[in-house]
Amino acid sequence: MKRRLLIAAATLSFVACLGCSTSAVAQDRYCLQGRTWGYPGNCQFASYAQCMATASGTHAYCGINPRYAQARRYREYR
């Protein structure tokens, strides 16, 4: 019985970790950058359109999150 509970807990934690990593990457794909924000900036935007809407009317611009770009480059070379 203890073994079954241990296996169920391990499986549940593994599945939960898979879901967390993908949503975290998608959440911070674009960064609001500029004089006020610095580099990498405010990286909380899932889409370029969201970022540009926030940057509208300011001297800021949007760029890809360096962490996301590095992770993507790493996956391509593996």
N, C-alpha and C. Protein backbone atom coordinates (compact mmCIF):
# COMPACT_ATOMS: atom_id res chain seq x y z
N MET A 1 0.81 -1.19 0.00
CA MET A 1 0.00 0.00 0.00
C MET A 1 0.87 1.27 0.00
N LYS A 2 1.92 1.26 0.81
CA LYS A 2 2.81 2.42 0.86
C LYS A 2 3.51 2.61 -0.47
N ARG A 3 3.85 1.51 -1.09
CA ARG A 3 4.55 1.59 -2.38
C ARG A 3 3.64 2.22 -3.45
N ARG A 4 2.38 1.84 -3.46
CA ARG A 4 1.44 2.41 -4.42
C ARG A 4 1.26 3.91 -4.19
N LEU A 5 1.17 4.32 -2.94
CA LEU A 5 1.05 5.74 -2.64
C LEU A 5 2.29 6.51 -3.08
N LEU A 6 3.45 5.92 -2.87
CA LEU A 6 4.70 6.56 -3.28
C LEU A 6 4.77 6.70 -4.80
N ILE A 7 4.38 5.66 -5.51
CA ILE A 7 4.38 5.71 -6.97
C ILE A 7 3.37 6.74 -7.47
N ALA A 8 2.20 6.79 -6.86
CA ALA A 8 1.18 7.77 -7.27
C ALA A 8 1.65 9.20 -7.00
N ALA A 9 2.30 9.43 -5.87
CA ALA A 9 2.80 10.77 -5.55
C ALA A 9 3.92 11.18 -6.51
N ALA A 10 4.79 10.25 -6.84
CA ALA A 10 5.88 10.55 -7.77
C ALA A 10 5.34 10.87 -9.17
N THR A 11 4.37 10.11 -9.61
CA THR A 11 3.76 10.34 -10.92
C THR A 11 3.05 11.69 -10.96
N LEU A 12 2.32 11.99 -9.92
CA LEU A 12 1.61 13.27 -9.85
C LEU A 12 2.58 14.46 -9.86
N SER A 13 3.66 14.35 -9.11
CA SER A 13 4.62 15.46 -9.08
C SER A 13 5.33 15.60 -10.43
N PHE A 14 5.59 14.50 -11.11
CA PHE A 14 6.22 14.55 -12.43
C PHE A 14 5.31 15.24 -13.44
N VAL A 15 4.04 14.89 -13.44
CA VAL A 15 3.08 15.49 -14.36
C VAL A 15 2.92 16.98 -14.05
N ALA A 16 2.89 17.33 -12.78
CA ALA A 16 2.75 18.74 -12.39
C ALA A 16 3.96 19.55 -12.85
N CYS A 17 5.15 18.98 -12.78
CA CYS A 17 6.36 19.69 -13.22
C CYS A 17 6.35 19.92 -14.73
N LEU A 18 5.84 19.00 -15.48
CA LEU A 18 5.77 19.17 -16.93
C LEU A 18 4.87 20.34 -17.29
N GLY A 19 3.76 20.47 -16.64
CA GLY A 19 2.83 21.54 -16.91
C GLY A 19 3.37 22.90 -16.50
N CYS A 20 4.13 22.96 -15.44
CA CYS A 20 4.66 24.24 -14.95
C CYS A 20 5.70 24.82 -15.90
N SER A 21 6.56 24.00 -16.40
CA SER A 21 7.65 24.52 -17.21
C SER A 21 7.15 25.12 -18.53
N THR A 22 6.17 24.53 -19.14
CA THR A 22 5.69 25.06 -20.42
C THR A 22 4.91 26.35 -20.24
N SER A 23 4.10 26.45 -19.19
CA SER A 23 3.34 27.67 -18.99
C SER A 23 4.24 28.82 -18.57
N ALA A 24 5.30 28.53 -17.82
CA ALA A 24 6.22 29.60 -17.41
C ALA A 24 6.95 30.18 -18.61
N VAL A 25 7.33 29.34 -19.53
CA VAL A 25 8.03 29.83 -20.72
C VAL A 25 7.09 30.64 -21.58
N ALA A 26 5.85 30.19 -21.74
CA ALA A 26 4.90 30.91 -22.57
C ALA A 26 4.51 32.25 -21.95
N GLN A 27 4.51 32.34 -20.65
CA GLN A 27 4.09 33.57 -19.98
C GLN A 27 5.07 34.72 -20.23
N ASP A 28 6.34 34.46 -20.28
CA ASP A 28 7.32 35.54 -20.35
C ASP A 28 8.14 35.51 -21.63
N ARG A 29 7.48 35.35 -22.74
CA ARG A 29 8.16 35.23 -24.02
C ARG A 29 8.70 36.56 -24.55
N TYR A 30 8.01 37.67 -24.26
CA TYR A 30 8.43 39.00 -24.76
C TYR A 30 8.68 39.95 -23.60
N CYS A 31 9.63 40.86 -23.81
CA CYS A 31 10.02 41.81 -22.77
C CYS A 31 9.81 43.24 -23.26
N LEU A 32 9.26 44.07 -22.38
CA LEU A 32 9.14 45.49 -22.62
C LEU A 32 10.49 46.11 -22.28
N GLN A 33 11.12 46.77 -23.24
CA GLN A 33 12.47 47.28 -23.05
C GLN A 33 12.52 48.76 -23.40
N GLY A 34 13.48 49.43 -22.85
CA GLY A 34 13.66 50.84 -23.12
C GLY A 34 14.46 51.49 -22.01
N ARG A 35 14.57 52.80 -22.04
CA ARG A 35 15.37 53.53 -21.06
C ARG A 35 14.87 53.27 -19.63
N THR A 36 13.58 53.27 -19.45
CA THR A 36 12.99 53.07 -18.13
C THR A 36 13.13 51.64 -17.65
N TRP A 37 13.02 50.70 -18.56
CA TRP A 37 12.99 49.29 -18.19
C TRP A 37 14.35 48.62 -18.20
N GLY A 38 15.29 49.10 -18.96
CA GLY A 38 16.60 48.46 -19.01
C GLY A 38 16.57 47.18 -19.82
N TYR A 39 17.53 46.31 -19.54
CA TYR A 39 17.63 45.04 -20.27
C TYR A 39 17.72 43.91 -19.26
N PRO A 40 16.99 42.86 -19.34
CA PRO A 40 16.08 42.49 -20.40
C PRO A 40 14.74 43.19 -20.33
N GLY A 41 14.44 43.86 -19.24
CA GLY A 41 13.20 44.63 -19.16
C GLY A 41 12.10 43.93 -18.39
N ASN A 42 10.89 44.33 -18.66
CA ASN A 42 9.71 43.77 -18.02
C ASN A 42 9.24 42.58 -18.84
N CYS A 43 9.60 41.40 -18.43
CA CYS A 43 9.35 40.18 -19.22
C CYS A 43 8.14 39.42 -18.68
N GLN A 44 6.96 39.95 -18.94
CA GLN A 44 5.75 39.28 -18.45
C GLN A 44 4.70 39.10 -19.54
N PHE A 45 5.09 39.21 -20.79
CA PHE A 45 4.12 39.19 -21.89
C PHE A 45 4.20 37.88 -22.67
N ALA A 46 3.02 37.29 -22.91
CA ALA A 46 2.95 36.03 -23.64
C ALA A 46 2.96 36.24 -25.15
N SER A 47 2.50 37.41 -25.60
CA SER A 47 2.47 37.66 -27.04
C SER A 47 3.09 39.01 -27.35
N TYR A 48 3.53 39.15 -28.57
CA TYR A 48 4.12 40.41 -29.02
C TYR A 48 3.07 41.52 -29.01
N ALA A 49 1.84 41.19 -29.36
CA ALA A 49 0.76 42.18 -29.38
C ALA A 49 0.50 42.75 -27.98
N GLN A 50 0.52 41.90 -26.96
CA GLN A 50 0.34 42.36 -25.59
C GLN A 50 1.44 43.34 -25.21
N CYS A 51 2.66 42.99 -25.54
CA CYS A 51 3.80 43.83 -25.21
C CYS A 51 3.71 45.17 -25.93
N MET A 52 3.39 45.15 -27.21
CA MET A 52 3.30 46.38 -27.99
C MET A 52 2.15 47.28 -27.51
N ALA A 53 1.07 46.68 -27.05
CA ALA A 53 -0.03 47.47 -26.51
C ALA A 53 0.41 48.21 -25.26
N THR A 54 1.21 47.58 -24.43
CA THR A 54 1.73 48.22 -23.23
C THR A 54 2.75 49.29 -23.58
N ALA A 55 3.54 49.05 -24.61
CA ALA A 55 4.57 50.01 -25.02
C ALA A 55 3.99 51.20 -25.78
N SER A 56 2.78 51.10 -26.23
CA SER A 56 2.16 52.16 -27.03
C SER A 56 2.13 53.49 -26.28
N GLY A 57 2.60 54.53 -26.93
CA GLY A 57 2.59 55.85 -26.34
C GLY A 57 3.77 56.15 -25.45
N THR A 58 4.70 55.23 -25.34
CA THR A 58 5.90 55.44 -24.53
C THR A 58 7.13 55.33 -25.43
N HIS A 59 8.28 55.52 -24.86
CA HIS A 59 9.52 55.36 -25.62
C HIS A 59 10.09 53.96 -25.42
N ALA A 60 9.25 53.00 -25.19
CA ALA A 60 9.67 51.62 -24.99
C ALA A 60 9.40 50.81 -26.25
N TYR A 61 10.01 49.64 -26.32
CA TYR A 61 9.81 48.72 -27.43
C TYR A 61 9.80 47.31 -26.88
N CYS A 62 9.50 46.34 -27.72
CA CYS A 62 9.40 44.95 -27.28
C CYS A 62 10.47 44.10 -27.95
N GLY A 63 11.01 43.20 -27.19
CA GLY A 63 11.99 42.26 -27.71
C GLY A 63 11.74 40.89 -27.13
N ILE A 64 12.35 39.90 -27.73
CA ILE A 64 12.19 38.54 -27.24
C ILE A 64 12.99 38.37 -25.95
N ASN A 65 12.44 37.62 -25.03
CA ASN A 65 13.10 37.37 -23.76
C ASN A 65 14.39 36.59 -24.01
N PRO A 66 15.54 37.05 -23.52
CA PRO A 66 16.79 36.34 -23.76
C PRO A 66 16.79 34.92 -23.21
N ARG A 67 16.09 34.69 -22.11
CA ARG A 67 16.01 33.31 -21.58
C ARG A 67 15.27 32.40 -22.54
N TYR A 68 14.19 32.90 -23.10
CA TYR A 68 13.42 32.11 -24.05
C TYR A 68 14.23 31.85 -25.31
N ALA A 69 14.93 32.87 -25.80
CA ALA A 69 15.74 32.72 -27.01
C ALA A 69 16.86 31.72 -26.79
N GLN A 70 17.49 31.77 -25.62
CA GLN A 70 18.59 30.85 -25.31
C GLN A 70 18.07 29.42 -25.19
N ALA A 71 16.93 29.22 -24.55
CA ALA A 71 16.36 27.88 -24.42
C ALA A 71 15.99 27.33 -25.78
N ARG A 72 15.47 28.17 -26.65
CA ARG A 72 15.09 27.75 -28.00
C ARG A 72 16.33 27.35 -28.80
N ARG A 73 17.39 28.14 -28.69
CA ARG A 73 18.64 27.84 -29.39
C ARG A 73 19.23 26.53 -28.88
N TYR A 74 19.15 26.31 -27.57
CA TYR A 74 19.68 25.09 -26.98
C TYR A 74 18.94 23.85 -27.49
N ARG A 75 17.61 23.96 -27.61
CA ARG A 75 16.82 22.82 -28.11
C ARG A 75 17.15 22.53 -29.57
N GLU A 76 17.44 23.55 -30.37
CA GLU A 76 17.72 23.34 -31.79
C GLU A 76 19.04 22.60 -32.01
N TYR A 77 20.01 22.82 -31.14
CA TYR A 77 21.32 22.19 -31.30
C TYR A 77 21.43 20.83 -30.64
N ARG A 78 20.44 20.42 -29.90
CA ARG A 78 20.50 19.12 -29.23
C ARG A 78 20.18 18.01 -30.15
